[in-house]
Amino acid sequence: MLNVLRPAVTRVLTPLGRLLARHGISPDVVTAVGTLGVVASALILFPMGHLFWGALAITVFVLADLLDGVLARMSGGTGSKWGAFLDSTLDRLGDAAVFSGLILHFILEDEREIVLAGVALFCLVAGALVSYAKARAEGLGMTANVGIAERGERIAVILVASGLSGLGVPYILAIGLWLLAAASAVTVVQRMVHVYRQAVVR
């Protein structure tokens, strides 16, 4: 769903991509720096209780996920297989850091938040399954580009909920996590059914 915003964001990032390309910065470097920023922001700011600033910092670094593609085009290509592999792999690392930071936040903030820590853990595992289902399907020559909660939607929901919670909006983080858990579970099932139908047809 968030793919509709990609062209607009790409236009905004194009001048920066052109500048980086002019200075010989590779897309892989941008990907790595963006992931490092996400991991550091999530594992430092979230456990300290700085949810708004953590969400804001992560959002800035997540833009590198789009900037590396823009930079690849500015460099005269559309991206390499290695670049695509690196991007997808580091995406998983970034996602794990975001939810791990929230889990630590709940554990350190109040032992009564253990339930939300469990929900965040479920979101982490379910999100990994969503991504794995797609990768495994493609490895078998099928597709799994279906579902209501792809990575973009999952990251957007958790960052918005975390940011608003950091601004003092009550219950918003809990609501966001529960909705995300449900949407992620539904997406896993949707992808399994989609692949099953393709496999049976064959």
N, C-alpha and C. Protein backbone atom coordinates (compact mmCIF):
# COMPACT_ATOMS: atom_id res chain seq x y z
N MET A 1 0.83 -1.21 0.00
CA MET A 1 0.00 0.00 0.00
C MET A 1 0.86 1.26 0.00
N LEU A 2 1.95 1.20 0.78
CA LEU A 2 2.81 2.37 0.84
C LEU A 2 3.63 2.57 -0.43
N ASN A 3 3.57 1.59 -1.33
CA ASN A 3 4.32 1.73 -2.58
C ASN A 3 3.85 2.92 -3.40
N VAL A 4 2.62 3.38 -3.16
CA VAL A 4 2.11 4.52 -3.91
C VAL A 4 2.87 5.79 -3.54
N LEU A 5 3.47 5.81 -2.35
CA LEU A 5 4.24 6.98 -1.92
C LEU A 5 5.67 6.96 -2.42
N ARG A 6 6.12 5.81 -2.92
CA ARG A 6 7.52 5.66 -3.31
C ARG A 6 7.95 6.65 -4.38
N PRO A 7 7.14 6.87 -5.45
CA PRO A 7 7.58 7.84 -6.48
C PRO A 7 7.80 9.25 -5.91
N ALA A 8 6.91 9.70 -5.03
CA ALA A 8 7.04 11.03 -4.46
C ALA A 8 8.29 11.13 -3.59
N VAL A 9 8.53 10.10 -2.75
CA VAL A 9 9.71 10.11 -1.90
C VAL A 9 10.97 10.05 -2.74
N THR A 10 10.92 9.27 -3.82
CA THR A 10 12.07 9.15 -4.72
C THR A 10 12.43 10.49 -5.33
N ARG A 11 11.42 11.27 -5.72
CA ARG A 11 11.68 12.59 -6.30
C ARG A 11 12.37 13.50 -5.28
N VAL A 12 11.95 13.40 -4.02
CA VAL A 12 12.55 14.22 -2.97
C VAL A 12 14.00 13.82 -2.74
N LEU A 13 14.27 12.52 -2.82
CA LEU A 13 15.62 12.02 -2.52
C LEU A 13 16.57 12.10 -3.72
N THR A 14 16.04 12.34 -4.91
CA THR A 14 16.88 12.34 -6.12
C THR A 14 18.05 13.33 -6.05
N PRO A 15 17.84 14.59 -5.60
CA PRO A 15 18.98 15.51 -5.51
C PRO A 15 20.08 14.99 -4.59
N LEU A 16 19.71 14.40 -3.47
CA LEU A 16 20.70 13.85 -2.55
C LEU A 16 21.42 12.67 -3.18
N GLY A 17 20.65 11.83 -3.89
CA GLY A 17 21.26 10.70 -4.58
C GLY A 17 22.25 11.16 -5.63
N ARG A 18 21.90 12.20 -6.34
CA ARG A 18 22.80 12.73 -7.37
C ARG A 18 24.09 13.26 -6.74
N LEU A 19 23.95 13.91 -5.59
CA LEU A 19 25.12 14.45 -4.89
C LEU A 19 26.04 13.32 -4.42
N LEU A 20 25.46 12.28 -3.85
CA LEU A 20 26.26 11.16 -3.37
C LEU A 20 26.94 10.43 -4.53
N ALA A 21 26.22 10.27 -5.62
CA ALA A 21 26.81 9.62 -6.80
C ALA A 21 27.98 10.41 -7.33
N ARG A 22 27.86 11.74 -7.30
CA ARG A 22 28.94 12.60 -7.78
C ARG A 22 30.20 12.43 -6.95
N HIS A 23 30.03 12.08 -5.66
CA HIS A 23 31.18 11.91 -4.77
C HIS A 23 31.61 10.45 -4.66
N GLY A 24 31.04 9.60 -5.49
CA GLY A 24 31.48 8.21 -5.54
C GLY A 24 30.99 7.32 -4.41
N ILE A 25 29.92 7.73 -3.73
CA ILE A 25 29.37 6.92 -2.64
C ILE A 25 28.52 5.81 -3.25
N SER A 26 28.78 4.57 -2.87
CA SER A 26 28.05 3.44 -3.46
C SER A 26 26.73 3.19 -2.72
N PRO A 27 25.75 2.59 -3.41
CA PRO A 27 24.47 2.27 -2.76
C PRO A 27 24.65 1.33 -1.57
N ASP A 28 25.63 0.43 -1.65
CA ASP A 28 25.86 -0.52 -0.56
C ASP A 28 26.28 0.21 0.72
N VAL A 29 27.06 1.26 0.57
CA VAL A 29 27.48 2.04 1.73
C VAL A 29 26.27 2.72 2.36
N VAL A 30 25.40 3.26 1.54
CA VAL A 30 24.18 3.92 2.04
C VAL A 30 23.31 2.91 2.78
N THR A 31 23.17 1.71 2.21
CA THR A 31 22.39 0.66 2.85
C THR A 31 22.95 0.31 4.23
N ALA A 32 24.27 0.13 4.28
CA ALA A 32 24.92 -0.26 5.53
C ALA A 32 24.82 0.84 6.59
N VAL A 33 25.04 2.08 6.18
CA VAL A 33 24.96 3.20 7.12
C VAL A 33 23.53 3.36 7.63
N GLY A 34 22.56 3.22 6.73
CA GLY A 34 21.16 3.33 7.14
C GLY A 34 20.79 2.27 8.16
N THR A 35 21.23 1.04 7.92
CA THR A 35 20.93 -0.05 8.86
C THR A 35 21.62 0.18 10.20
N LEU A 36 22.87 0.61 10.16
CA LEU A 36 23.60 0.90 11.40
C LEU A 36 22.88 1.97 12.21
N GLY A 37 22.38 2.99 11.52
CA GLY A 37 21.64 4.05 12.20
C GLY A 37 20.36 3.55 12.83
N VAL A 38 19.63 2.69 12.10
CA VAL A 38 18.39 2.12 12.63
C VAL A 38 18.68 1.29 13.88
N VAL A 39 19.69 0.43 13.78
CA VAL A 39 20.03 -0.46 14.90
C VAL A 39 20.44 0.35 16.12
N ALA A 40 21.32 1.31 15.93
CA ALA A 40 21.79 2.13 17.05
C ALA A 40 20.64 2.92 17.68
N SER A 41 19.81 3.53 16.84
CA SER A 41 18.69 4.34 17.36
C SER A 41 17.72 3.48 18.15
N ALA A 42 17.38 2.31 17.60
CA ALA A 42 16.39 1.45 18.25
C ALA A 42 16.91 0.86 19.55
N LEU A 43 18.16 0.42 19.57
CA LEU A 43 18.68 -0.27 20.74
C LEU A 43 19.21 0.67 21.82
N ILE A 44 19.36 1.94 21.47
CA ILE A 44 19.80 2.91 22.48
C ILE A 44 18.64 3.77 22.96
N LEU A 45 17.91 4.37 22.03
CA LEU A 45 16.86 5.32 22.42
C LEU A 45 15.60 4.65 22.96
N PHE A 46 15.15 3.57 22.33
CA PHE A 46 13.92 2.92 22.81
C PHE A 46 14.06 2.39 24.24
N PRO A 47 15.13 1.62 24.55
CA PRO A 47 15.25 1.12 25.93
C PRO A 47 15.37 2.25 26.97
N MET A 48 15.89 3.40 26.55
CA MET A 48 16.01 4.53 27.47
C MET A 48 14.68 5.26 27.66
N GLY A 49 13.66 4.85 26.91
CA GLY A 49 12.35 5.47 27.04
C GLY A 49 12.11 6.65 26.11
N HIS A 50 13.08 6.95 25.23
CA HIS A 50 12.93 8.06 24.30
C HIS A 50 12.23 7.59 23.01
N LEU A 51 10.95 7.27 23.15
CA LEU A 51 10.22 6.67 22.03
C LEU A 51 10.06 7.64 20.85
N PHE A 52 9.74 8.89 21.14
CA PHE A 52 9.54 9.84 20.04
C PHE A 52 10.84 10.07 19.27
N TRP A 53 11.92 10.36 19.99
CA TRP A 53 13.18 10.63 19.32
C TRP A 53 13.73 9.38 18.65
N GLY A 54 13.47 8.24 19.26
CA GLY A 54 13.90 6.99 18.63
C GLY A 54 13.17 6.76 17.32
N ALA A 55 11.85 6.96 17.34
CA ALA A 55 11.06 6.77 16.12
C ALA A 55 11.47 7.76 15.04
N LEU A 56 11.74 8.99 15.45
CA LEU A 56 12.15 10.01 14.49
C LEU A 56 13.50 9.66 13.86
N ALA A 57 14.45 9.25 14.69
CA ALA A 57 15.78 8.90 14.18
C ALA A 57 15.70 7.69 13.26
N ILE A 58 14.93 6.71 13.64
CA ILE A 58 14.79 5.51 12.81
C ILE A 58 14.16 5.85 11.47
N THR A 59 13.16 6.74 11.49
CA THR A 59 12.50 7.15 10.24
C THR A 59 13.50 7.78 9.29
N VAL A 60 14.37 8.62 9.81
CA VAL A 60 15.38 9.26 8.97
C VAL A 60 16.28 8.21 8.33
N PHE A 61 16.72 7.25 9.12
CA PHE A 61 17.63 6.23 8.59
C PHE A 61 16.91 5.24 7.66
N VAL A 62 15.62 5.01 7.90
CA VAL A 62 14.85 4.11 7.04
C VAL A 62 14.79 4.67 5.61
N LEU A 63 14.85 5.99 5.48
CA LEU A 63 14.84 6.59 4.14
C LEU A 63 16.00 6.11 3.30
N ALA A 64 17.06 5.63 3.94
CA ALA A 64 18.19 5.08 3.20
C ALA A 64 17.76 3.86 2.40
N ASP A 65 16.67 3.20 2.85
CA ASP A 65 16.15 2.04 2.13
C ASP A 65 15.67 2.46 0.74
N LEU A 66 15.24 3.71 0.60
CA LEU A 66 14.84 4.23 -0.71
C LEU A 66 16.00 4.92 -1.40
N LEU A 67 16.85 5.56 -0.60
CA LEU A 67 17.96 6.31 -1.17
C LEU A 67 18.95 5.42 -1.90
N ASP A 68 19.16 4.20 -1.40
CA ASP A 68 20.13 3.34 -2.08
C ASP A 68 19.69 2.99 -3.50
N GLY A 69 18.38 2.82 -3.68
CA GLY A 69 17.87 2.56 -5.03
C GLY A 69 18.01 3.77 -5.93
N VAL A 70 17.73 4.95 -5.38
CA VAL A 70 17.90 6.18 -6.14
C VAL A 70 19.35 6.35 -6.53
N LEU A 71 20.25 6.10 -5.60
CA LEU A 71 21.68 6.24 -5.85
C LEU A 71 22.16 5.26 -6.91
N ALA A 72 21.61 4.06 -6.90
CA ALA A 72 21.99 3.07 -7.91
C ALA A 72 21.66 3.57 -9.31
N ARG A 73 20.50 4.20 -9.44
CA ARG A 73 20.13 4.75 -10.75
C ARG A 73 20.98 5.95 -11.12
N MET A 74 21.30 6.76 -10.13
CA MET A 74 22.17 7.92 -10.39
C MET A 74 23.57 7.48 -10.81
N SER A 75 23.96 6.27 -10.35
CA SER A 75 25.29 5.75 -10.67
C SER A 75 25.32 5.06 -12.02
N GLY A 76 24.17 5.02 -12.69
CA GLY A 76 24.14 4.46 -14.03
C GLY A 76 23.64 3.04 -14.12
N GLY A 77 23.05 2.54 -13.04
CA GLY A 77 22.55 1.17 -13.07
C GLY A 77 21.22 1.07 -12.36
N THR A 78 20.75 -0.16 -12.21
CA THR A 78 19.48 -0.40 -11.51
C THR A 78 19.71 -1.24 -10.25
N GLY A 79 20.98 -1.41 -9.89
CA GLY A 79 21.26 -2.20 -8.70
C GLY A 79 21.76 -3.58 -9.06
N SER A 80 22.66 -4.13 -8.26
CA SER A 80 23.21 -5.45 -8.51
C SER A 80 22.48 -6.51 -7.70
N LYS A 81 22.73 -7.77 -8.03
CA LYS A 81 22.14 -8.85 -7.26
C LYS A 81 22.68 -8.82 -5.83
N TRP A 82 23.97 -8.51 -5.70
CA TRP A 82 24.56 -8.39 -4.37
C TRP A 82 23.87 -7.28 -3.58
N GLY A 83 23.65 -6.16 -4.24
CA GLY A 83 23.00 -5.04 -3.57
C GLY A 83 21.60 -5.40 -3.10
N ALA A 84 20.86 -6.13 -3.94
CA ALA A 84 19.51 -6.54 -3.56
C ALA A 84 19.55 -7.50 -2.38
N PHE A 85 20.52 -8.42 -2.40
CA PHE A 85 20.67 -9.37 -1.30
C PHE A 85 21.04 -8.64 -0.01
N LEU A 86 22.00 -7.74 -0.12
CA LEU A 86 22.44 -6.98 1.06
C LEU A 86 21.29 -6.16 1.64
N ASP A 87 20.54 -5.51 0.78
CA ASP A 87 19.44 -4.67 1.22
C ASP A 87 18.40 -5.49 1.98
N SER A 88 18.02 -6.64 1.41
CA SER A 88 17.00 -7.48 2.05
C SER A 88 17.49 -8.05 3.37
N THR A 89 18.75 -8.47 3.39
CA THR A 89 19.31 -9.05 4.61
C THR A 89 19.40 -8.02 5.73
N LEU A 90 19.89 -6.82 5.40
CA LEU A 90 20.01 -5.78 6.42
C LEU A 90 18.65 -5.24 6.85
N ASP A 91 17.66 -5.33 5.97
CA ASP A 91 16.30 -4.96 6.36
C ASP A 91 15.83 -5.81 7.54
N ARG A 92 16.14 -7.11 7.46
CA ARG A 92 15.75 -8.01 8.55
C ARG A 92 16.45 -7.62 9.86
N LEU A 93 17.72 -7.23 9.75
CA LEU A 93 18.46 -6.80 10.93
C LEU A 93 17.84 -5.54 11.53
N GLY A 94 17.50 -4.60 10.67
CA GLY A 94 16.87 -3.36 11.15
C GLY A 94 15.54 -3.63 11.82
N ASP A 95 14.72 -4.49 11.22
CA ASP A 95 13.43 -4.82 11.82
C ASP A 95 13.61 -5.46 13.19
N ALA A 96 14.58 -6.38 13.28
CA ALA A 96 14.83 -7.05 14.55
C ALA A 96 15.24 -6.05 15.62
N ALA A 97 16.05 -5.08 15.24
CA ALA A 97 16.50 -4.08 16.20
C ALA A 97 15.35 -3.23 16.72
N VAL A 98 14.44 -2.83 15.82
CA VAL A 98 13.30 -2.00 16.22
C VAL A 98 12.45 -2.70 17.27
N PHE A 99 12.08 -3.95 17.00
CA PHE A 99 11.22 -4.66 17.95
C PHE A 99 11.98 -5.09 19.19
N SER A 100 13.27 -5.39 19.04
CA SER A 100 14.08 -5.73 20.22
C SER A 100 14.20 -4.51 21.14
N GLY A 101 14.35 -3.32 20.54
CA GLY A 101 14.41 -2.10 21.34
C GLY A 101 13.13 -1.87 22.11
N LEU A 102 12.00 -2.15 21.47
CA LEU A 102 10.71 -1.99 22.16
C LEU A 102 10.55 -3.04 23.26
N ILE A 103 10.98 -4.26 22.99
CA ILE A 103 10.90 -5.31 24.02
C ILE A 103 11.71 -4.90 25.25
N LEU A 104 12.91 -4.41 25.02
CA LEU A 104 13.74 -3.94 26.14
C LEU A 104 13.08 -2.78 26.87
N HIS A 105 12.45 -1.91 26.09
CA HIS A 105 11.75 -0.77 26.70
C HIS A 105 10.66 -1.25 27.65
N PHE A 106 9.85 -2.21 27.20
CA PHE A 106 8.77 -2.70 28.04
C PHE A 106 9.30 -3.41 29.29
N ILE A 107 10.35 -4.19 29.13
CA ILE A 107 10.91 -4.93 30.26
C ILE A 107 11.52 -3.99 31.29
N LEU A 108 12.23 -2.98 30.80
CA LEU A 108 12.91 -2.05 31.70
C LEU A 108 11.96 -1.01 32.30
N GLU A 109 10.91 -0.66 31.54
CA GLU A 109 9.99 0.39 31.98
C GLU A 109 9.12 -0.05 33.14
N ASP A 110 8.51 -1.21 32.99
CA ASP A 110 7.55 -1.67 33.99
C ASP A 110 7.32 -3.16 33.78
N GLU A 111 7.53 -3.95 34.82
CA GLU A 111 7.36 -5.40 34.68
C GLU A 111 5.94 -5.78 34.31
N ARG A 112 5.00 -4.87 34.52
CA ARG A 112 3.61 -5.16 34.14
C ARG A 112 3.40 -5.07 32.63
N GLU A 113 4.41 -4.56 31.92
CA GLU A 113 4.31 -4.44 30.47
C GLU A 113 4.81 -5.70 29.77
N ILE A 114 4.96 -6.80 30.53
CA ILE A 114 5.50 -8.02 29.96
C ILE A 114 4.62 -8.55 28.82
N VAL A 115 3.31 -8.29 28.91
CA VAL A 115 2.40 -8.74 27.86
C VAL A 115 2.72 -8.04 26.54
N LEU A 116 2.95 -6.72 26.61
CA LEU A 116 3.29 -5.98 25.40
C LEU A 116 4.66 -6.40 24.87
N ALA A 117 5.57 -6.76 25.76
CA ALA A 117 6.86 -7.29 25.32
C ALA A 117 6.65 -8.57 24.52
N GLY A 118 5.71 -9.40 24.98
CA GLY A 118 5.39 -10.62 24.26
C GLY A 118 4.76 -10.35 22.91
N VAL A 119 3.89 -9.34 22.85
CA VAL A 119 3.25 -8.98 21.58
C VAL A 119 4.31 -8.46 20.60
N ALA A 120 5.24 -7.65 21.11
CA ALA A 120 6.31 -7.14 20.25
C ALA A 120 7.17 -8.28 19.73
N LEU A 121 7.42 -9.27 20.57
CA LEU A 121 8.19 -10.45 20.13
C LEU A 121 7.43 -11.21 19.05
N PHE A 122 6.12 -11.34 19.22
CA PHE A 122 5.31 -12.00 18.20
C PHE A 122 5.38 -11.24 16.89
N CYS A 123 5.32 -9.91 16.96
CA CYS A 123 5.41 -9.09 15.75
C CYS A 123 6.75 -9.30 15.04
N LEU A 124 7.80 -9.43 15.82
CA LEU A 124 9.13 -9.66 15.25
C LEU A 124 9.17 -10.99 14.52
N VAL A 125 8.68 -12.04 15.16
CA VAL A 125 8.71 -13.38 14.56
C VAL A 125 7.79 -13.44 13.34
N ALA A 126 6.58 -12.89 13.48
CA ALA A 126 5.62 -12.92 12.37
C ALA A 126 6.13 -12.12 11.18
N GLY A 127 6.78 -10.98 11.45
CA GLY A 127 7.34 -10.18 10.38
C GLY A 127 8.42 -10.94 9.63
N ALA A 128 9.24 -11.68 10.38
CA ALA A 128 10.28 -12.49 9.74
C ALA A 128 9.65 -13.58 8.88
N LEU A 129 8.56 -14.17 9.35
CA LEU A 129 7.87 -15.20 8.57
C LEU A 129 7.27 -14.63 7.29
N VAL A 130 6.74 -13.41 7.38
CA VAL A 130 6.19 -12.76 6.20
C VAL A 130 7.27 -12.63 5.12
N SER A 131 8.43 -12.15 5.52
CA SER A 131 9.53 -11.97 4.58
C SER A 131 10.06 -13.31 4.07
N TYR A 132 10.17 -14.28 4.98
CA TYR A 132 10.69 -15.59 4.60
C TYR A 132 9.76 -16.28 3.61
N ALA A 133 8.46 -16.17 3.83
CA ALA A 133 7.49 -16.81 2.94
C ALA A 133 7.67 -16.30 1.51
N LYS A 134 7.87 -15.01 1.37
CA LYS A 134 8.07 -14.44 0.04
C LYS A 134 9.37 -14.92 -0.58
N ALA A 135 10.45 -14.88 0.20
CA ALA A 135 11.76 -15.29 -0.31
C ALA A 135 11.76 -16.76 -0.69
N ARG A 136 11.17 -17.60 0.14
CA ARG A 136 11.14 -19.04 -0.14
C ARG A 136 10.30 -19.34 -1.36
N ALA A 137 9.16 -18.65 -1.50
CA ALA A 137 8.31 -18.85 -2.67
C ALA A 137 9.06 -18.48 -3.94
N GLU A 138 9.75 -17.35 -3.92
CA GLU A 138 10.50 -16.93 -5.10
C GLU A 138 11.63 -17.89 -5.41
N GLY A 139 12.24 -18.48 -4.35
CA GLY A 139 13.29 -19.46 -4.55
C GLY A 139 12.76 -20.73 -5.22
N LEU A 140 11.47 -21.00 -5.06
CA LEU A 140 10.84 -22.16 -5.68
C LEU A 140 10.18 -21.81 -7.01
N GLY A 141 10.40 -20.59 -7.48
CA GLY A 141 9.84 -20.19 -8.77
C GLY A 141 8.41 -19.73 -8.71
N MET A 142 7.92 -19.38 -7.52
CA MET A 142 6.55 -18.89 -7.38
C MET A 142 6.59 -17.47 -6.83
N THR A 143 5.43 -16.90 -6.57
CA THR A 143 5.35 -15.54 -6.03
C THR A 143 4.54 -15.54 -4.74
N ALA A 144 4.78 -14.52 -3.92
CA ALA A 144 4.01 -14.36 -2.68
C ALA A 144 3.88 -12.88 -2.35
N ASN A 145 3.62 -12.09 -3.39
CA ASN A 145 3.48 -10.64 -3.21
C ASN A 145 2.06 -10.27 -2.81
N VAL A 146 1.58 -10.88 -1.77
CA VAL A 146 0.22 -10.59 -1.29
C VAL A 146 0.29 -10.31 0.21
N GLY A 147 -0.80 -9.79 0.73
CA GLY A 147 -0.86 -9.58 2.17
C GLY A 147 -1.16 -8.14 2.54
N ILE A 148 -1.73 -7.97 3.72
CA ILE A 148 -2.14 -6.64 4.15
C ILE A 148 -1.05 -5.93 4.94
N ALA A 149 0.03 -6.66 5.28
CA ALA A 149 1.07 -6.04 6.11
C ALA A 149 2.45 -6.39 5.57
N GLU A 150 2.84 -5.72 4.49
CA GLU A 150 4.20 -5.89 4.00
C GLU A 150 5.14 -5.07 4.86
N ARG A 151 6.44 -5.13 4.57
CA ARG A 151 7.42 -4.49 5.46
C ARG A 151 7.15 -2.99 5.62
N GLY A 152 6.85 -2.31 4.55
CA GLY A 152 6.62 -0.87 4.62
C GLY A 152 5.51 -0.52 5.58
N GLU A 153 4.41 -1.25 5.49
CA GLU A 153 3.28 -1.00 6.38
C GLU A 153 3.64 -1.31 7.83
N ARG A 154 4.37 -2.41 8.03
CA ARG A 154 4.72 -2.79 9.41
C ARG A 154 5.61 -1.75 10.07
N ILE A 155 6.61 -1.29 9.33
CA ILE A 155 7.53 -0.29 9.88
C ILE A 155 6.80 1.02 10.14
N ALA A 156 5.92 1.42 9.20
CA ALA A 156 5.18 2.67 9.35
C ALA A 156 4.30 2.63 10.60
N VAL A 157 3.59 1.53 10.79
CA VAL A 157 2.68 1.41 11.94
C VAL A 157 3.46 1.49 13.25
N ILE A 158 4.55 0.74 13.36
CA ILE A 158 5.26 0.70 14.63
C ILE A 158 5.97 2.01 14.92
N LEU A 159 6.47 2.68 13.90
CA LEU A 159 7.14 3.96 14.14
C LEU A 159 6.16 5.06 14.50
N VAL A 160 5.01 5.09 13.83
CA VAL A 160 3.99 6.09 14.15
C VAL A 160 3.46 5.86 15.57
N ALA A 161 3.18 4.60 15.89
CA ALA A 161 2.66 4.29 17.22
C ALA A 161 3.68 4.62 18.31
N SER A 162 4.94 4.30 18.05
CA SER A 162 5.99 4.58 19.03
C SER A 162 6.18 6.09 19.20
N GLY A 163 6.20 6.80 18.08
CA GLY A 163 6.38 8.24 18.14
C GLY A 163 5.26 8.94 18.89
N LEU A 164 4.03 8.56 18.59
CA LEU A 164 2.88 9.17 19.28
C LEU A 164 2.87 8.81 20.76
N SER A 165 3.28 7.58 21.07
CA SER A 165 3.37 7.18 22.47
C SER A 165 4.40 8.03 23.19
N GLY A 166 5.50 8.31 22.50
CA GLY A 166 6.53 9.16 23.09
C GLY A 166 6.06 10.58 23.33
N LEU A 167 5.05 11.00 22.58
CA LEU A 167 4.47 12.34 22.76
C LEU A 167 3.37 12.35 23.81
N GLY A 168 3.10 11.18 24.39
CA GLY A 168 2.13 11.12 25.47
C GLY A 168 0.75 10.64 25.09
N VAL A 169 0.55 10.18 23.86
CA VAL A 169 -0.77 9.66 23.47
C VAL A 169 -0.99 8.32 24.16
N PRO A 170 -2.00 8.19 25.00
CA PRO A 170 -2.18 6.96 25.77
C PRO A 170 -2.66 5.79 24.92
N TYR A 171 -2.17 4.61 25.27
CA TYR A 171 -2.60 3.33 24.68
C TYR A 171 -2.25 3.15 23.20
N ILE A 172 -1.70 4.17 22.55
CA ILE A 172 -1.50 4.08 21.11
C ILE A 172 -0.47 3.01 20.74
N LEU A 173 0.56 2.84 21.55
CA LEU A 173 1.57 1.84 21.24
C LEU A 173 1.00 0.44 21.40
N ALA A 174 0.22 0.24 22.44
CA ALA A 174 -0.41 -1.06 22.65
C ALA A 174 -1.35 -1.39 21.50
N ILE A 175 -2.16 -0.40 21.10
CA ILE A 175 -3.10 -0.60 19.98
C ILE A 175 -2.33 -0.92 18.71
N GLY A 176 -1.26 -0.16 18.45
CA GLY A 176 -0.47 -0.39 17.25
C GLY A 176 0.14 -1.77 17.22
N LEU A 177 0.66 -2.22 18.36
CA LEU A 177 1.29 -3.55 18.41
C LEU A 177 0.27 -4.66 18.21
N TRP A 178 -0.88 -4.55 18.85
CA TRP A 178 -1.89 -5.59 18.69
C TRP A 178 -2.41 -5.65 17.26
N LEU A 179 -2.64 -4.48 16.67
CA LEU A 179 -3.09 -4.45 15.27
C LEU A 179 -2.02 -5.03 14.35
N LEU A 180 -0.77 -4.69 14.62
CA LEU A 180 0.32 -5.18 13.80
C LEU A 180 0.48 -6.69 13.94
N ALA A 181 0.31 -7.19 15.14
CA ALA A 181 0.39 -8.64 15.37
C ALA A 181 -0.67 -9.36 14.57
N ALA A 182 -1.89 -8.84 14.62
CA ALA A 182 -2.99 -9.46 13.88
C ALA A 182 -2.76 -9.38 12.38
N ALA A 183 -2.36 -8.21 11.89
CA ALA A 183 -2.13 -8.03 10.45
C ALA A 183 -0.99 -8.90 9.95
N SER A 184 0.06 -9.04 10.75
CA SER A 184 1.20 -9.87 10.35
C SER A 184 0.79 -11.34 10.28
N ALA A 185 0.00 -11.79 11.26
CA ALA A 185 -0.46 -13.17 11.25
C ALA A 185 -1.34 -13.44 10.03
N VAL A 186 -2.22 -12.51 9.73
CA VAL A 186 -3.08 -12.66 8.55
C VAL A 186 -2.24 -12.71 7.28
N THR A 187 -1.22 -11.88 7.20
CA THR A 187 -0.37 -11.83 6.02
C THR A 187 0.38 -13.14 5.81
N VAL A 188 0.86 -13.74 6.91
CA VAL A 188 1.53 -15.04 6.80
C VAL A 188 0.57 -16.07 6.20
N VAL A 189 -0.65 -16.10 6.70
CA VAL A 189 -1.64 -17.05 6.19
C VAL A 189 -1.96 -16.75 4.72
N GLN A 190 -2.14 -15.48 4.39
CA GLN A 190 -2.42 -15.10 3.01
C GLN A 190 -1.33 -15.60 2.06
N ARG A 191 -0.08 -15.45 2.46
CA ARG A 191 1.03 -15.86 1.59
C ARG A 191 1.11 -17.38 1.49
N MET A 192 0.85 -18.06 2.58
CA MET A 192 0.85 -19.53 2.54
C MET A 192 -0.25 -20.05 1.61
N VAL A 193 -1.43 -19.46 1.70
CA VAL A 193 -2.54 -19.87 0.84
C VAL A 193 -2.22 -19.56 -0.61
N HIS A 194 -1.63 -18.39 -0.86
CA HIS A 194 -1.28 -17.99 -2.22
C HIS A 194 -0.28 -18.97 -2.84
N VAL A 195 0.74 -19.34 -2.09
CA VAL A 195 1.74 -20.28 -2.59
C VAL A 195 1.12 -21.68 -2.75
N TYR A 196 0.28 -22.08 -1.83
CA TYR A 196 -0.37 -23.38 -1.92
C TYR A 196 -1.17 -23.49 -3.21
N ARG A 197 -1.90 -22.45 -3.53
CA ARG A 197 -2.70 -22.49 -4.75
C ARG A 197 -1.83 -22.60 -5.99
N GLN A 198 -0.70 -21.92 -6.00
CA GLN A 198 0.22 -22.02 -7.12
C GLN A 198 0.82 -23.43 -7.21
N ALA A 199 1.16 -23.99 -6.08
CA ALA A 199 1.77 -25.32 -6.05
C ALA A 199 0.79 -26.39 -6.51
N VAL A 200 -0.48 -26.26 -6.10
CA VAL A 200 -1.49 -27.24 -6.48
C VAL A 200 -1.77 -27.17 -7.98
N VAL A 201 -1.81 -25.95 -8.51
CA VAL A 201 -2.06 -25.77 -9.95
C VAL A 201 -0.97 -26.46 -10.76
N ARG A 202 0.26 -26.40 -10.27
CA ARG A 202 1.38 -27.02 -10.96
C ARG A 202 1.34 -28.52 -10.84
